[in-house]
Amino acid sequence: MDEQVAQLLTAVLERNELSHDDLISVWFTATPDLHSAFPAAAARGLGIVDVPLICAQELDIEDAMPRVVRVLAHIESDKPRSEITHVYLGAAAALRKDIAQ
């Protein structure tokens, strides 16, 4: 899980031209089938050590896409919301075809 979460966080930061200093806090959720590691541990591995991080489990909904980690990042930015890039990697892009980049 660490590698995929690191890839997701890196994509979020790069596509939005953000640095670790722009992060205020980050909330991770994972589907119930993911229980081998905390997604926040991957963020710590990227050097995000002075930002509050929290992990939670998604609702266990029948027929929901399995093996999904979501990230909600609170950031400091002058960009208008319309210029923020929402990142969905791999099969997760099917979850929000309207905003997936």
PDB file of N, CA and C in Angstrom:
ATOM      1  N   MET A   1       0.819  -1.189   0.000  1.00  0.00           N
ATOM      2  CA  MET A   1       0.000   0.000   0.000  1.00  0.00           C
ATOM      3  C   MET A   1       0.865   1.256   0.000  1.00  0.00           C
ATOM      4  N   ASP A   2       1.991   1.215   0.677  1.00  0.00           N
ATOM      5  CA  ASP A   2       2.833   2.411   0.794  1.00  0.00           C
ATOM      6  C   ASP A   2       3.211   2.989  -0.569  1.00  0.00           C
ATOM      7  N   GLU A   3       3.576   2.124  -1.488  1.00  0.00           N
ATOM      8  CA  GLU A   3       4.008   2.593  -2.812  1.00  0.00           C
ATOM      9  C   GLU A   3       2.875   3.293  -3.563  1.00  0.00           C
ATOM     10  N   GLN A   4       1.671   2.728  -3.506  1.00  0.00           N
ATOM     11  CA  GLN A   4       0.544   3.326  -4.223  1.00  0.00           C
ATOM     12  C   GLN A   4       0.108   4.639  -3.581  1.00  0.00           C
ATOM     13  N   VAL A   5       0.106   4.689  -2.253  1.00  0.00           N
ATOM     14  CA  VAL A   5      -0.265   5.931  -1.569  1.00  0.00           C
ATOM     15  C   VAL A   5       0.778   7.010  -1.841  1.00  0.00           C
ATOM     16  N   ALA A   6       2.042   6.644  -1.830  1.00  0.00           N
ATOM     17  CA  ALA A   6       3.099   7.610  -2.153  1.00  0.00           C
ATOM     18  C   ALA A   6       2.929   8.129  -3.577  1.00  0.00           C
ATOM     19  N   GLN A   7       2.581   7.243  -4.498  1.00  0.00           N
ATOM     20  CA  GLN A   7       2.349   7.652  -5.886  1.00  0.00           C
ATOM     21  C   GLN A   7       1.173   8.624  -5.968  1.00  0.00           C
ATOM     22  N   LEU A   8       0.102   8.346  -5.236  1.00  0.00           N
ATOM     23  CA  LEU A   8      -1.067   9.222  -5.244  1.00  0.00           C
ATOM     24  C   LEU A   8      -0.732  10.593  -4.660  1.00  0.00           C
ATOM     25  N   LEU A   9      -0.091  10.618  -3.502  1.00  0.00           N
ATOM     26  CA  LEU A   9       0.268  11.901  -2.884  1.00  0.00           C
ATOM     27  C   LEU A   9       1.222  12.708  -3.754  1.00  0.00           C
ATOM     28  N   THR A  10       2.184  12.046  -4.340  1.00  0.00           N
ATOM     29  CA  THR A  10       3.126  12.728  -5.224  1.00  0.00           C
ATOM     30  C   THR A  10       2.394  13.331  -6.410  1.00  0.00           C
ATOM     31  N   ALA A  11       1.454  12.602  -6.987  1.00  0.00           N
ATOM     32  CA  ALA A  11       0.678  13.117  -8.120  1.00  0.00           C
ATOM     33  C   ALA A  11      -0.163  14.320  -7.708  1.00  0.00           C
ATOM     34  N   VAL A  12      -0.786  14.258  -6.538  1.00  0.00           N
ATOM     35  CA  VAL A  12      -1.593  15.391  -6.055  1.00  0.00           C
ATOM     36  C   VAL A  12      -0.717  16.631  -5.912  1.00  0.00           C
ATOM     37  N   LEU A  13       0.437  16.475  -5.280  1.00  0.00           N
ATOM     38  CA  LEU A  13       1.329  17.619  -5.075  1.00  0.00           C
ATOM     39  C   LEU A  13       1.858  18.161  -6.399  1.00  0.00           C
ATOM     40  N   GLU A  14       2.342  17.288  -7.259  1.00  0.00           N
ATOM     41  CA  GLU A  14       2.933  17.739  -8.523  1.00  0.00           C
ATOM     42  C   GLU A  14       1.903  18.376  -9.444  1.00  0.00           C
ATOM     43  N   ARG A  15       0.758  17.751  -9.615  1.00  0.00           N
ATOM     44  CA  ARG A  15      -0.249  18.267 -10.553  1.00  0.00           C
ATOM     45  C   ARG A  15      -0.854  19.584 -10.095  1.00  0.00           C
ATOM     46  N   ASN A  16      -0.759  19.859  -8.795  1.00  0.00           N
ATOM     47  CA  ASN A  16      -1.285  21.118  -8.269  1.00  0.00           C
ATOM     48  C   ASN A  16      -0.183  22.098  -7.896  1.00  0.00           C
ATOM     49  N   GLU A  17       1.055  21.765  -8.264  1.00  0.00           N
ATOM     50  CA  GLU A  17       2.212  22.617  -7.989  1.00  0.00           C
ATOM     51  C   GLU A  17       2.293  22.983  -6.510  1.00  0.00           C
ATOM     52  N   LEU A  18       2.173  21.965  -5.663  1.00  0.00           N
ATOM     53  CA  LEU A  18       2.204  22.150  -4.219  1.00  0.00           C
ATOM     54  C   LEU A  18       3.487  21.567  -3.642  1.00  0.00           C
ATOM     55  N   SER A  19       3.877  22.092  -2.491  1.00  0.00           N
ATOM     56  CA  SER A  19       4.981  21.509  -1.730  1.00  0.00           C
ATOM     57  C   SER A  19       4.422  21.040  -0.387  1.00  0.00           C
ATOM     58  N   HIS A  20       5.246  20.357   0.382  1.00  0.00           N
ATOM     59  CA  HIS A  20       4.819  19.910   1.712  1.00  0.00           C
ATOM     60  C   HIS A  20       4.390  21.096   2.566  1.00  0.00           C
ATOM     61  N   ASP A  21       5.021  22.255   2.366  1.00  0.00           N
ATOM     62  CA  ASP A  21       4.700  23.447   3.157  1.00  0.00           C
ATOM     63  C   ASP A  21       3.294  23.971   2.896  1.00  0.00           C
ATOM     64  N   ASP A  22       2.686  23.595   1.774  1.00  0.00           N
ATOM     65  CA  ASP A  22       1.332  24.037   1.448  1.00  0.00           C
ATOM     66  C   ASP A  22       0.265  23.188   2.129  1.00  0.00           C
ATOM     67  N   LEU A  23       0.651  22.064   2.688  1.00  0.00           N
ATOM     68  CA  LEU A  23      -0.303  21.162   3.333  1.00  0.00           C
ATOM     69  C   LEU A  23      -0.649  21.655   4.730  1.00  0.00           C
ATOM     70  N   ILE A  24      -1.937  21.699   5.019  1.00  0.00           N
ATOM     71  CA  ILE A  24      -2.410  22.063   6.356  1.00  0.00           C
ATOM     72  C   ILE A  24      -2.727  20.796   7.144  1.00  0.00           C
ATOM     73  N   SER A  25      -3.469  19.889   6.520  1.00  0.00           N
ATOM     74  CA  SER A  25      -3.757  18.581   7.100  1.00  0.00           C
ATOM     75  C   SER A  25      -4.201  17.658   5.971  1.00  0.00           C
ATOM     76  N   VAL A  26      -4.113  16.357   6.228  1.00  0.00           N
ATOM     77  CA  VAL A  26      -4.485  15.378   5.211  1.00  0.00           C
ATOM     78  C   VAL A  26      -5.289  14.266   5.874  1.00  0.00           C
ATOM     79  N   TRP A  27      -6.408  13.938   5.242  1.00  0.00           N
ATOM     80  CA  TRP A  27      -7.293  12.884   5.724  1.00  0.00           C
ATOM     81  C   TRP A  27      -7.270  11.761   4.704  1.00  0.00           C
ATOM     82  N   PHE A  28      -6.996  10.558   5.152  1.00  0.00           N
ATOM     83  CA  PHE A  28      -6.986   9.380   4.294  1.00  0.00           C
ATOM     84  C   PHE A  28      -8.150   8.481   4.674  1.00  0.00           C
ATOM     85  N   THR A  29      -8.799   7.895   3.673  1.00  0.00           N
ATOM     86  CA  THR A  29      -9.737   6.812   3.939  1.00  0.00           C
ATOM     87  C   THR A  29      -9.323   5.624   3.088  1.00  0.00           C
ATOM     88  N   ALA A  30      -9.658   4.447   3.571  1.00  0.00           N
ATOM     89  CA  ALA A  30      -9.352   3.215   2.844  1.00  0.00           C
ATOM     90  C   ALA A  30     -10.563   2.299   2.915  1.00  0.00           C
ATOM     91  N   THR A  31     -10.773   1.547   1.861  1.00  0.00           N
ATOM     92  CA  THR A  31     -11.868   0.579   1.859  1.00  0.00           C
ATOM     93  C   THR A  31     -11.563  -0.513   2.893  1.00  0.00           C
ATOM     94  N   PRO A  32     -12.612  -1.161   3.415  1.00  0.00           N
ATOM     95  CA  PRO A  32     -12.422  -2.130   4.507  1.00  0.00           C
ATOM     96  C   PRO A  32     -11.503  -3.306   4.173  1.00  0.00           C
ATOM     97  N   ASP A  33     -11.299  -3.592   2.893  1.00  0.00           N
ATOM     98  CA  ASP A  33     -10.430  -4.709   2.520  1.00  0.00           C
ATOM     99  C   ASP A  33      -8.946  -4.363   2.643  1.00  0.00           C
ATOM    100  N   LEU A  34      -8.630  -3.108   2.862  1.00  0.00           N
ATOM    101  CA  LEU A  34      -7.233  -2.685   3.037  1.00  0.00           C
ATOM    102  C   LEU A  34      -6.952  -2.548   4.531  1.00  0.00           C
ATOM    103  N   HIS A  35      -6.164  -3.440   5.053  1.00  0.00           N
ATOM    104  CA  HIS A  35      -5.917  -3.423   6.495  1.00  0.00           C
ATOM    105  C   HIS A  35      -4.497  -3.842   6.852  1.00  0.00           C
ATOM    106  N   SER A  36      -3.572  -3.675   5.905  1.00  0.00           N
ATOM    107  CA  SER A  36      -2.189  -4.087   6.170  1.00  0.00           C
ATOM    108  C   SER A  36      -1.288  -2.938   6.617  1.00  0.00           C
ATOM    109  N   ALA A  37      -1.732  -1.705   6.390  1.00  0.00           N
ATOM    110  CA  ALA A  37      -0.890  -0.553   6.745  1.00  0.00           C
ATOM    111  C   ALA A  37      -1.756   0.699   6.842  1.00  0.00           C
ATOM    112  N   PHE A  38      -1.237   1.691   7.537  1.00  0.00           N
ATOM    113  CA  PHE A  38      -1.901   2.991   7.597  1.00  0.00           C
ATOM    114  C   PHE A  38      -1.464   3.815   6.389  1.00  0.00           C
ATOM    115  N   PRO A  39      -2.402   4.359   5.596  1.00  0.00           N
ATOM    116  CA  PRO A  39      -2.000   5.210   4.474  1.00  0.00           C
ATOM    117  C   PRO A  39      -1.134   6.393   4.917  1.00  0.00           C
ATOM    118  N   ALA A  40      -1.389   6.918   6.093  1.00  0.00           N
ATOM    119  CA  ALA A  40      -0.607   8.062   6.576  1.00  0.00           C
ATOM    120  C   ALA A  40       0.871   7.714   6.742  1.00  0.00           C
ATOM    121  N   ALA A  41       1.173   6.456   6.983  1.00  0.00           N
ATOM    122  CA  ALA A  41       2.576   6.054   7.121  1.00  0.00           C
ATOM    123  C   ALA A  41       3.342   6.300   5.829  1.00  0.00           C
ATOM    124  N   ALA A  42       2.681   6.136   4.695  1.00  0.00           N
ATOM    125  CA  ALA A  42       3.327   6.414   3.407  1.00  0.00           C
ATOM    126  C   ALA A  42       3.644   7.899   3.279  1.00  0.00           C
ATOM    127  N   ALA A  43       2.749   8.745   3.781  1.00  0.00           N
ATOM    128  CA  ALA A  43       3.008  10.188   3.748  1.00  0.00           C
ATOM    129  C   ALA A  43       4.218  10.529   4.604  1.00  0.00           C
ATOM    130  N   ARG A  44       4.321   9.917   5.754  1.00  0.00           N
ATOM    131  CA  ARG A  44       5.481  10.153   6.618  1.00  0.00           C
ATOM    132  C   ARG A  44       6.755   9.724   5.898  1.00  0.00           C
ATOM    133  N   GLY A  45       6.662   8.640   5.139  1.00  0.00           N
ATOM    134  CA  GLY A  45       7.808   8.163   4.377  1.00  0.00           C
ATOM    135  C   GLY A  45       8.248   9.123   3.289  1.00  0.00           C
ATOM    136  N   LEU A  46       7.331   9.985   2.839  1.00  0.00           N
ATOM    137  CA  LEU A  46       7.660  11.008   1.839  1.00  0.00           C
ATOM    138  C   LEU A  46       8.229  12.271   2.480  1.00  0.00           C
ATOM    139  N   GLY A  47       8.342  12.274   3.798  1.00  0.00           N
ATOM    140  CA  GLY A  47       8.871  13.449   4.479  1.00  0.00           C
ATOM    141  C   GLY A  47       7.803  14.396   4.987  1.00  0.00           C
ATOM    142  N   ILE A  48       6.551  14.009   4.884  1.00  0.00           N
ATOM    143  CA  ILE A  48       5.461  14.843   5.405  1.00  0.00           C
ATOM    144  C   ILE A  48       5.328  14.506   6.889  1.00  0.00           C
ATOM    145  N   VAL A  49       6.136  15.177   7.691  1.00  0.00           N
ATOM    146  CA  VAL A  49       6.242  14.807   9.102  1.00  0.00           C
ATOM    147  C   VAL A  49       5.680  15.859  10.059  1.00  0.00           C
ATOM    148  N   ASP A  50       5.455  17.071   9.578  1.00  0.00           N
ATOM    149  CA  ASP A  50       4.979  18.136  10.459  1.00  0.00           C
ATOM    150  C   ASP A  50       3.564  18.581  10.104  1.00  0.00           C
ATOM    151  N   VAL A  51       2.793  17.675   9.492  1.00  0.00           N
ATOM    152  CA  VAL A  51       1.422  17.957   9.071  1.00  0.00           C
ATOM    153  C   VAL A  51       0.510  16.946   9.758  1.00  0.00           C
ATOM    154  N   PRO A  52      -0.603  17.391  10.350  1.00  0.00           N
ATOM    155  CA  PRO A  52      -1.525  16.426  10.938  1.00  0.00           C
ATOM    156  C   PRO A  52      -2.105  15.501   9.862  1.00  0.00           C
ATOM    157  N   LEU A  53      -2.078  14.204  10.140  1.00  0.00           N
ATOM    158  CA  LEU A  53      -2.611  13.191   9.235  1.00  0.00           C
ATOM    159  C   LEU A  53      -3.573  12.311  10.023  1.00  0.00           C
ATOM    160  N   ILE A  54      -4.629  11.857   9.359  1.00  0.00           N
ATOM    161  CA  ILE A  54      -5.568  10.946  10.009  1.00  0.00           C
ATOM    162  C   ILE A  54      -6.028   9.919   8.988  1.00  0.00           C
ATOM    163  N   CYS A  55      -6.301   8.719   9.467  1.00  0.00           N
ATOM    164  CA  CYS A  55      -6.811   7.644   8.612  1.00  0.00           C
ATOM    165  C   CYS A  55      -8.179   7.210   9.133  1.00  0.00           C
ATOM    166  N   ALA A  56      -9.049   6.824   8.212  1.00  0.00           N
ATOM    167  CA  ALA A  56     -10.372   6.310   8.566  1.00  0.00           C
ATOM    168  C   ALA A  56     -10.757   5.237   7.562  1.00  0.00           C
ATOM    169  N   GLN A  57     -11.731   4.427   7.951  1.00  0.00           N
ATOM    170  CA  GLN A  57     -12.201   3.372   7.060  1.00  0.00           C
ATOM    171  C   GLN A  57     -13.467   3.832   6.354  1.00  0.00           C
ATOM    172  N   GLU A  58     -13.540   3.552   5.048  1.00  0.00           N
ATOM    173  CA  GLU A  58     -14.748   3.831   4.268  1.00  0.00           C
ATOM    174  C   GLU A  58     -15.886   2.933   4.751  1.00  0.00           C
ATOM    175  N   LEU A  59     -17.101   3.328   4.450  1.00  0.00           N
ATOM    176  CA  LEU A  59     -18.249   2.470   4.742  1.00  0.00           C
ATOM    177  C   LEU A  59     -18.136   1.179   3.950  1.00  0.00           C
ATOM    178  N   ASP A  60     -18.574   0.094   4.525  1.00  0.00           N
ATOM    179  CA  ASP A  60     -18.529  -1.214   3.868  1.00  0.00           C
ATOM    180  C   ASP A  60     -19.809  -1.383   3.047  1.00  0.00           C
ATOM    181  N   ILE A  61     -19.804  -0.827   1.845  1.00  0.00           N
ATOM    182  CA  ILE A  61     -20.978  -0.815   0.973  1.00  0.00           C
ATOM    183  C   ILE A  61     -20.883  -1.960  -0.028  1.00  0.00           C
ATOM    184  N   GLU A  62     -21.973  -2.689  -0.177  1.00  0.00           N
ATOM    185  CA  GLU A  62     -22.018  -3.792  -1.136  1.00  0.00           C
ATOM    186  C   GLU A  62     -21.743  -3.281  -2.550  1.00  0.00           C
ATOM    187  N   ASP A  63     -20.921  -3.980  -3.288  1.00  0.00           N
ATOM    188  CA  ASP A  63     -20.557  -3.670  -4.674  1.00  0.00           C
ATOM    189  C   ASP A  63     -19.710  -2.408  -4.830  1.00  0.00           C
ATOM    190  N   ALA A  64     -19.200  -1.869  -3.737  1.00  0.00           N
ATOM    191  CA  ALA A  64     -18.295  -0.714  -3.849  1.00  0.00           C
ATOM    192  C   ALA A  64     -16.964  -1.185  -4.423  1.00  0.00           C
ATOM    193  N   MET A  65     -16.263  -0.276  -5.089  1.00  0.00           N
ATOM    194  CA  MET A  65     -14.958  -0.617  -5.644  1.00  0.00           C
ATOM    195  C   MET A  65     -13.998  -0.975  -4.505  1.00  0.00           C
ATOM    196  N   PRO A  66     -13.355  -2.130  -4.600  1.00  0.00           N
ATOM    197  CA  PRO A  66     -12.422  -2.530  -3.546  1.00  0.00           C
ATOM    198  C   PRO A  66     -11.051  -1.884  -3.727  1.00  0.00           C
ATOM    199  N   ARG A  67     -10.248  -1.966  -2.679  1.00  0.00           N
ATOM    200  CA  ARG A  67      -8.839  -1.567  -2.694  1.00  0.00           C
ATOM    201  C   ARG A  67      -8.642  -0.105  -3.129  1.00  0.00           C
ATOM    202  N   VAL A  68      -9.397   0.784  -2.486  1.00  0.00           N
ATOM    203  CA  VAL A  68      -9.318   2.206  -2.818  1.00  0.00           C
ATOM    204  C   VAL A  68      -8.875   3.001  -1.588  1.00  0.00           C
ATOM    205  N   VAL A  69      -7.895   3.855  -1.791  1.00  0.00           N
ATOM    206  CA  VAL A  69      -7.478   4.830  -0.782  1.00  0.00           C
ATOM    207  C   VAL A  69      -7.839   6.204  -1.324  1.00  0.00           C
ATOM    208  N   ARG A  70      -8.505   6.986  -0.498  1.00  0.00           N
ATOM    209  CA  ARG A  70      -8.858   8.351  -0.879  1.00  0.00           C
ATOM    210  C   ARG A  70      -8.063   9.319  -0.009  1.00  0.00           C
ATOM    211  N   VAL A  71      -7.793  10.487  -0.570  1.00  0.00           N
ATOM    212  CA  VAL A  71      -7.044  11.523   0.138  1.00  0.00           C
ATOM    213  C   VAL A  71      -7.834  12.823   0.057  1.00  0.00           C
ATOM    214  N   LEU A  72      -8.053  13.442   1.193  1.00  0.00           N
ATOM    215  CA  LEU A  72      -8.642  14.773   1.256  1.00  0.00           C
ATOM    216  C   LEU A  72      -7.587  15.669   1.889  1.00  0.00           C
ATOM    217  N   ALA A  73      -7.002  16.527   1.078  1.00  0.00           N
ATOM    218  CA  ALA A  73      -5.918  17.388   1.553  1.00  0.00           C
ATOM    219  C   ALA A  73      -6.427  18.813   1.721  1.00  0.00           C
ATOM    220  N   HIS A  74      -6.222  19.355   2.893  1.00  0.00           N
ATOM    221  CA  HIS A  74      -6.505  20.766   3.150  1.00  0.00           C
ATOM    222  C   HIS A  74      -5.211  21.507   2.853  1.00  0.00           C
ATOM    223  N   ILE A  75      -5.287  22.475   1.944  1.00  0.00           N
ATOM    224  CA  ILE A  75      -4.067  23.114   1.456  1.00  0.00           C
ATOM    225  C   ILE A  75      -4.147  24.631   1.544  1.00  0.00           C
ATOM    226  N   GLU A  76      -2.985  25.235   1.525  1.00  0.00           N
ATOM    227  CA  GLU A  76      -2.829  26.689   1.415  1.00  0.00           C
ATOM    228  C   GLU A  76      -2.530  26.977  -0.046  1.00  0.00           C
ATOM    229  N   SER A  77      -3.410  27.748  -0.701  1.00  0.00           N
ATOM    230  CA  SER A  77      -3.211  28.015  -2.126  1.00  0.00           C
ATOM    231  C   SER A  77      -3.927  29.289  -2.536  1.00  0.00           C
ATOM    232  N   ASP A  78      -3.344  29.974  -3.506  1.00  0.00           N
ATOM    233  CA  ASP A  78      -3.994  31.139  -4.099  1.00  0.00           C
ATOM    234  C   ASP A  78      -4.786  30.763  -5.345  1.00  0.00           C
ATOM    235  N   LYS A  79      -4.721  29.503  -5.749  1.00  0.00           N
ATOM    236  CA  LYS A  79      -5.430  29.064  -6.951  1.00  0.00           C
ATOM    237  C   LYS A  79      -6.935  29.064  -6.711  1.00  0.00           C
ATOM    238  N   PRO A  80      -7.703  29.470  -7.717  1.00  0.00           N
ATOM    239  CA  PRO A  80      -9.147  29.302  -7.595  1.00  0.00           C
ATOM    240  C   PRO A  80      -9.491  27.810  -7.642  1.00  0.00           C
ATOM    241  N   ARG A  81     -10.597  27.444  -7.043  1.00  0.00           N
ATOM    242  CA  ARG A  81     -10.993  26.038  -6.991  1.00  0.00           C
ATOM    243  C   ARG A  81     -11.056  25.405  -8.368  1.00  0.00           C
ATOM    244  N   SER A  82     -11.427  26.185  -9.374  1.00  0.00           N
ATOM    245  CA  SER A  82     -11.535  25.655 -10.738  1.00  0.00           C
ATOM    246  C   SER A  82     -10.190  25.202 -11.302  1.00  0.00           C
ATOM    247  N   GLU A  83      -9.092  25.644 -10.713  1.00  0.00           N
ATOM    248  CA  GLU A  83      -7.759  25.267 -11.193  1.00  0.00           C
ATOM    249  C   GLU A  83      -7.119  24.141 -10.379  1.00  0.00           C
ATOM    250  N   ILE A  84      -7.831  23.656  -9.378  1.00  0.00           N
ATOM    251  CA  ILE A  84      -7.318  22.542  -8.581  1.00  0.00           C
ATOM    252  C   ILE A  84      -7.535  21.252  -9.364  1.00  0.00           C
ATOM    253  N   THR A  85      -6.513  20.424  -9.426  1.00  0.00           N
ATOM    254  CA  THR A  85      -6.584  19.149 -10.135  1.00  0.00           C
ATOM    255  C   THR A  85      -6.886  18.035  -9.143  1.00  0.00           C
ATOM    256  N   HIS A  86      -7.979  17.325  -9.384  1.00  0.00           N
ATOM    257  CA  HIS A  86      -8.355  16.173  -8.564  1.00  0.00           C
ATOM    258  C   HIS A  86      -7.739  14.934  -9.197  1.00  0.00           C
ATOM    259  N   VAL A  87      -7.074  14.135  -8.405  1.00  0.00           N
ATOM    260  CA  VAL A  87      -6.290  13.015  -8.930  1.00  0.00           C
ATOM    261  C   VAL A  87      -6.961  11.687  -8.584  1.00  0.00           C
ATOM    262  N   TYR A  88      -7.209  10.905  -9.611  1.00  0.00           N
ATOM    263  CA  TYR A  88      -7.723   9.541  -9.474  1.00  0.00           C
ATOM    264  C   TYR A  88      -6.810   8.657 -10.296  1.00  0.00           C
ATOM    265  N   LEU A  89      -6.139   7.724  -9.662  1.00  0.00           N
ATOM    266  CA  LEU A  89      -5.186   6.866 -10.360  1.00  0.00           C
ATOM    267  C   LEU A  89      -5.780   5.479 -10.597  1.00  0.00           C
ATOM    268  N   GLY A  90      -5.353   4.852 -11.668  1.00  0.00           N
ATOM    269  CA  GLY A  90      -5.770   3.485 -11.968  1.00  0.00           C
ATOM    270  C   GLY A  90      -7.273   3.352 -12.106  1.00  0.00           C
ATOM    271  N   ALA A  91      -7.801   2.255 -11.602  1.00  0.00           N
ATOM    272  CA  ALA A  91      -9.231   1.967 -11.722  1.00  0.00           C
ATOM    273  C   ALA A  91     -10.092   2.996 -10.996  1.00  0.00           C
ATOM    274  N   ALA A  92      -9.528   3.690 -10.009  1.00  0.00           N
ATOM    275  CA  ALA A  92     -10.291   4.686  -9.249  1.00  0.00           C
ATOM    276  C   ALA A  92     -10.775   5.840 -10.123  1.00  0.00           C
ATOM    277  N   ALA A  93     -10.179   6.042 -11.283  1.00  0.00           N
ATOM    278  CA  ALA A  93     -10.634   7.107 -12.191  1.00  0.00           C
ATOM    279  C   ALA A  93     -12.093   6.905 -12.578  1.00  0.00           C
ATOM    280  N   ALA A  94     -12.572   5.679 -12.541  1.00  0.00           N
ATOM    281  CA  ALA A  94     -13.969   5.394 -12.879  1.00  0.00           C
ATOM    282  C   ALA A  94     -14.937   5.924 -11.822  1.00  0.00           C
ATOM    283  N   LEU A  95     -14.445   6.227 -10.634  1.00  0.00           N
ATOM    284  CA  LEU A  95     -15.312   6.711  -9.564  1.00  0.00           C
ATOM    285  C   LEU A  95     -15.843   8.112  -9.837  1.00  0.00           C
ATOM    286  N   ARG A  96     -15.045   8.946 -10.476  1.00  0.00           N
ATOM    287  CA  ARG A  96     -15.444  10.328 -10.764  1.00  0.00           C
ATOM    288  C   ARG A  96     -14.962  10.714 -12.148  1.00  0.00           C
ATOM    289  N   LYS A  97     -15.595  10.160 -13.159  1.00  0.00           N
ATOM    290  CA  LYS A  97     -15.199  10.448 -14.537  1.00  0.00           C
ATOM    291  C   LYS A  97     -15.345  11.927 -14.868  1.00  0.00           C
ATOM    292  N   ASP A  98     -16.211  12.625 -14.128  1.00  0.00           N
ATOM    293  CA  ASP A  98     -16.448  14.043 -14.393  1.00  0.00           C
ATOM    294  C   ASP A  98     -15.268  14.923 -13.991  1.00  0.00           C
ATOM    295  N   ILE A  99     -14.472  14.499 -13.006  1.00  0.00           N
ATOM    296  CA  ILE A  99     -13.359  15.348 -12.568  1.00  0.00           C
ATOM    297  C   ILE A  99     -12.012  14.648 -12.577  1.00  0.00           C
ATOM    298  N   ALA A 100     -11.979  13.372 -12.886  1.00  0.00           N
ATOM    299  CA  ALA A 100     -10.699  12.647 -12.902  1.00  0.00           C
ATOM    300  C   ALA A 100      -9.806  13.212 -13.991  1.00  0.00           C
ATOM    301  N   GLN A 101      -8.527  13.409 -13.658  1.00  0.00           N
ATOM    302  CA  GLN A 101      -7.559  13.952 -14.618  1.00  0.00           C
ATOM    303  C   GLN A 101      -6.747  12.835 -15.201  1.00  0.00           C
TER     304      GLN A 101
END
